[in-house]
Amino acid sequence: MVLTSTQWLDLQERISAEYPRSVSMVRSRKREVLGFTERHHRRWLPGVPGSVGYYQVEVHLDFFDEAKRTFFTLKYGDILND
């Protein structure tokens, strides 16, 4: 699942409000409790001919449990659909 940087920030706010800090700060706890870990990427997008391109920041969520992925999608679907 790929999120924009804005979606990721909104999601982080919700997670930090609903779970202890250890869940959002420790990678292994995030995987255990929420079922995913995140990877941050910068994807190069070329500009129109004659102009310079730019990097788009993306956050990839890697899920390890299909049940937790389904629960995550239902719980945070409003953020994912923006």
N, C-alpha and C. Protein backbone atom coordinates (compact mmCIF):
# COMPACT_ATOMS: atom_id res chain seq x y z
N MET A 1 0.85 -1.16 0.00
CA MET A 1 0.00 0.00 0.00
C MET A 1 0.91 1.23 0.00
N VAL A 2 0.60 2.19 -0.86
CA VAL A 2 1.42 3.39 -1.00
C VAL A 2 0.61 4.60 -0.55
N LEU A 3 1.21 5.41 0.31
CA LEU A 3 0.57 6.62 0.81
C LEU A 3 1.37 7.84 0.40
N THR A 4 0.69 8.97 0.28
CA THR A 4 1.39 10.24 0.09
C THR A 4 1.93 10.70 1.44
N SER A 5 2.78 11.68 1.42
CA SER A 5 3.34 12.17 2.69
C SER A 5 2.24 12.79 3.56
N THR A 6 1.25 13.43 2.96
CA THR A 6 0.14 14.01 3.72
C THR A 6 -0.70 12.93 4.39
N GLN A 7 -1.00 11.87 3.64
CA GLN A 7 -1.76 10.76 4.22
C GLN A 7 -0.99 10.13 5.37
N TRP A 8 0.33 9.97 5.19
CA TRP A 8 1.15 9.36 6.23
C TRP A 8 1.14 10.19 7.50
N LEU A 9 1.24 11.52 7.37
CA LEU A 9 1.22 12.39 8.55
C LEU A 9 -0.13 12.30 9.28
N ASP A 10 -1.22 12.27 8.52
CA ASP A 10 -2.54 12.12 9.14
C ASP A 10 -2.66 10.78 9.86
N LEU A 11 -2.14 9.74 9.23
CA LEU A 11 -2.19 8.41 9.82
C LEU A 11 -1.35 8.34 11.09
N GLN A 12 -0.17 8.95 11.07
CA GLN A 12 0.68 8.97 12.26
C GLN A 12 0.00 9.66 13.43
N GLU A 13 -0.71 10.75 13.16
CA GLU A 13 -1.43 11.46 14.22
C GLU A 13 -2.48 10.57 14.86
N ARG A 14 -3.25 9.87 14.02
CA ARG A 14 -4.29 8.98 14.54
C ARG A 14 -3.70 7.83 15.34
N ILE A 15 -2.62 7.23 14.83
CA ILE A 15 -2.00 6.10 15.53
C ILE A 15 -1.45 6.55 16.87
N SER A 16 -0.79 7.72 16.90
CA SER A 16 -0.22 8.19 18.16
C SER A 16 -1.31 8.57 19.16
N ALA A 17 -2.49 8.94 18.70
CA ALA A 17 -3.59 9.26 19.60
C ALA A 17 -4.26 8.00 20.15
N GLU A 18 -4.21 6.91 19.40
CA GLU A 18 -4.93 5.69 19.78
C GLU A 18 -4.07 4.62 20.44
N TYR A 19 -2.76 4.69 20.25
CA TYR A 19 -1.86 3.65 20.77
C TYR A 19 -0.74 4.30 21.58
N PRO A 20 -0.08 3.50 22.44
CA PRO A 20 1.07 4.03 23.18
C PRO A 20 2.21 4.44 22.23
N ARG A 21 3.08 5.28 22.69
CA ARG A 21 4.19 5.77 21.86
C ARG A 21 5.07 4.65 21.33
N SER A 22 5.21 3.58 22.11
CA SER A 22 6.08 2.48 21.70
C SER A 22 5.62 1.86 20.39
N VAL A 23 4.32 1.90 20.12
CA VAL A 23 3.80 1.32 18.88
C VAL A 23 4.25 2.13 17.67
N SER A 24 4.23 3.44 17.78
CA SER A 24 4.62 4.27 16.64
C SER A 24 6.13 4.47 16.54
N MET A 25 6.86 4.25 17.62
CA MET A 25 8.29 4.53 17.61
C MET A 25 9.16 3.31 17.36
N VAL A 26 8.71 2.13 17.74
CA VAL A 26 9.52 0.92 17.65
C VAL A 26 8.99 0.05 16.51
N ARG A 27 9.85 -0.22 15.56
CA ARG A 27 9.46 -0.94 14.35
C ARG A 27 8.86 -2.32 14.66
N SER A 28 9.47 -3.07 15.55
CA SER A 28 8.97 -4.41 15.86
C SER A 28 7.60 -4.35 16.55
N ARG A 29 7.36 -3.34 17.38
CA ARG A 29 6.06 -3.18 18.03
C ARG A 29 4.99 -2.80 17.01
N LYS A 30 5.37 -1.95 16.04
CA LYS A 30 4.43 -1.56 15.01
C LYS A 30 4.01 -2.79 14.19
N ARG A 31 4.98 -3.62 13.88
CA ARG A 31 4.68 -4.85 13.13
C ARG A 31 3.80 -5.79 13.96
N GLU A 32 4.08 -5.91 15.24
CA GLU A 32 3.34 -6.81 16.12
C GLU A 32 1.91 -6.34 16.35
N VAL A 33 1.72 -5.05 16.62
CA VAL A 33 0.42 -4.52 16.99
C VAL A 33 -0.42 -4.15 15.76
N LEU A 34 0.18 -3.40 14.82
CA LEU A 34 -0.57 -2.92 13.66
C LEU A 34 -0.45 -3.81 12.43
N GLY A 35 0.59 -4.65 12.39
CA GLY A 35 0.74 -5.58 11.28
C GLY A 35 1.52 -5.07 10.10
N PHE A 36 2.16 -3.89 10.23
CA PHE A 36 2.93 -3.37 9.10
C PHE A 36 4.18 -2.63 9.58
N THR A 37 5.07 -2.43 8.64
CA THR A 37 6.20 -1.52 8.82
C THR A 37 6.18 -0.58 7.62
N GLU A 38 6.81 0.57 7.74
CA GLU A 38 6.80 1.53 6.64
C GLU A 38 8.18 1.70 6.03
N ARG A 39 8.18 2.03 4.75
CA ARG A 39 9.40 2.38 4.03
C ARG A 39 9.16 3.72 3.34
N HIS A 40 10.12 4.61 3.41
CA HIS A 40 10.01 5.93 2.78
C HIS A 40 10.83 5.94 1.50
N HIS A 41 10.21 6.44 0.43
CA HIS A 41 10.87 6.49 -0.88
C HIS A 41 10.70 7.86 -1.49
N ARG A 42 11.66 8.20 -2.34
CA ARG A 42 11.54 9.38 -3.19
C ARG A 42 11.54 8.87 -4.62
N ARG A 43 10.44 9.12 -5.34
CA ARG A 43 10.32 8.66 -6.72
C ARG A 43 10.54 9.84 -7.65
N TRP A 44 11.42 9.65 -8.64
CA TRP A 44 11.73 10.71 -9.59
C TRP A 44 10.64 10.77 -10.65
N LEU A 45 10.08 11.96 -10.83
CA LEU A 45 9.09 12.18 -11.87
C LEU A 45 9.65 13.20 -12.84
N PRO A 46 9.83 12.81 -14.09
CA PRO A 46 10.39 13.76 -15.06
C PRO A 46 9.39 14.86 -15.38
N GLY A 47 9.91 16.03 -15.66
CA GLY A 47 9.05 17.15 -16.02
C GLY A 47 8.72 17.10 -17.50
N VAL A 48 7.99 18.08 -17.95
CA VAL A 48 7.69 18.18 -19.37
C VAL A 48 8.99 18.48 -20.11
N PRO A 49 9.07 18.16 -21.39
CA PRO A 49 10.32 18.43 -22.12
C PRO A 49 10.76 19.89 -21.97
N GLY A 50 12.01 20.05 -21.63
CA GLY A 50 12.56 21.38 -21.44
C GLY A 50 12.55 21.86 -20.00
N SER A 51 11.99 21.08 -19.10
CA SER A 51 11.98 21.49 -17.69
C SER A 51 12.56 20.36 -16.84
N VAL A 52 12.86 20.71 -15.63
CA VAL A 52 13.46 19.76 -14.71
C VAL A 52 12.35 18.97 -14.00
N GLY A 53 12.61 17.72 -13.69
CA GLY A 53 11.66 16.90 -12.96
C GLY A 53 11.75 17.17 -11.47
N TYR A 54 11.12 16.31 -10.69
CA TYR A 54 11.11 16.49 -9.25
C TYR A 54 10.93 15.13 -8.57
N TYR A 55 11.22 15.11 -7.28
CA TYR A 55 11.03 13.91 -6.48
C TYR A 55 9.67 13.98 -5.78
N GLN A 56 8.96 12.87 -5.80
CA GLN A 56 7.71 12.75 -5.06
C GLN A 56 7.96 11.80 -3.90
N VAL A 57 7.61 12.24 -2.68
CA VAL A 57 7.82 11.43 -1.49
C VAL A 57 6.65 10.46 -1.34
N GLU A 58 6.97 9.18 -1.14
CA GLU A 58 5.96 8.15 -0.96
C GLU A 58 6.30 7.34 0.29
N VAL A 59 5.28 6.84 0.95
CA VAL A 59 5.46 5.95 2.10
C VAL A 59 4.79 4.63 1.74
N HIS A 60 5.57 3.56 1.75
CA HIS A 60 5.07 2.23 1.43
C HIS A 60 4.84 1.47 2.74
N LEU A 61 3.64 0.92 2.89
CA LEU A 61 3.32 0.12 4.06
C LEU A 61 3.42 -1.35 3.68
N ASP A 62 4.28 -2.08 4.38
CA ASP A 62 4.46 -3.51 4.13
C ASP A 62 3.72 -4.28 5.21
N PHE A 63 2.64 -4.96 4.82
CA PHE A 63 1.84 -5.73 5.76
C PHE A 63 2.34 -7.17 5.82
N PHE A 64 2.24 -7.78 7.01
CA PHE A 64 2.70 -9.13 7.24
C PHE A 64 1.58 -10.07 7.64
N ASP A 65 0.38 -9.53 7.81
CA ASP A 65 -0.76 -10.32 8.24
C ASP A 65 -2.00 -9.80 7.51
N GLU A 66 -2.65 -10.67 6.75
CA GLU A 66 -3.80 -10.24 5.95
C GLU A 66 -4.97 -9.78 6.81
N ALA A 67 -5.18 -10.41 7.95
CA ALA A 67 -6.27 -10.00 8.84
C ALA A 67 -6.03 -8.59 9.38
N LYS A 68 -4.79 -8.29 9.75
CA LYS A 68 -4.47 -6.94 10.26
C LYS A 68 -4.55 -5.91 9.14
N ARG A 69 -4.22 -6.31 7.91
CA ARG A 69 -4.34 -5.40 6.77
C ARG A 69 -5.81 -5.04 6.54
N THR A 70 -6.69 -6.03 6.61
CA THR A 70 -8.12 -5.79 6.44
C THR A 70 -8.65 -4.87 7.54
N PHE A 71 -8.27 -5.15 8.79
CA PHE A 71 -8.69 -4.31 9.91
C PHE A 71 -8.18 -2.88 9.73
N PHE A 72 -6.93 -2.74 9.32
CA PHE A 72 -6.33 -1.43 9.09
C PHE A 72 -7.11 -0.66 8.02
N THR A 73 -7.45 -1.34 6.93
CA THR A 73 -8.18 -0.70 5.83
C THR A 73 -9.56 -0.25 6.29
N LEU A 74 -10.23 -1.05 7.09
CA LEU A 74 -11.54 -0.66 7.59
C LEU A 74 -11.44 0.50 8.59
N LYS A 75 -10.46 0.45 9.47
CA LYS A 75 -10.33 1.46 10.52
C LYS A 75 -9.85 2.81 9.99
N TYR A 76 -8.91 2.80 9.06
CA TYR A 76 -8.31 4.05 8.57
C TYR A 76 -8.66 4.33 7.12
N GLY A 77 -9.77 3.78 6.63
CA GLY A 77 -10.17 3.96 5.24
C GLY A 77 -10.41 5.41 4.87
N ASP A 78 -10.87 6.23 5.82
CA ASP A 78 -11.11 7.64 5.52
C ASP A 78 -9.82 8.36 5.16
N ILE A 79 -8.72 8.01 5.78
CA ILE A 79 -7.42 8.63 5.45
C ILE A 79 -6.93 8.10 4.11
N LEU A 80 -7.12 6.82 3.86
CA LEU A 80 -6.60 6.20 2.64
C LEU A 80 -7.35 6.69 1.40
N ASN A 81 -8.60 7.08 1.54
CA ASN A 81 -9.40 7.51 0.38
C ASN A 81 -9.20 8.97 0.03
N ASP A 82 -8.55 9.74 0.88
CA ASP A 82 -8.33 11.17 0.59
C ASP A 82 -7.37 11.35 -0.56
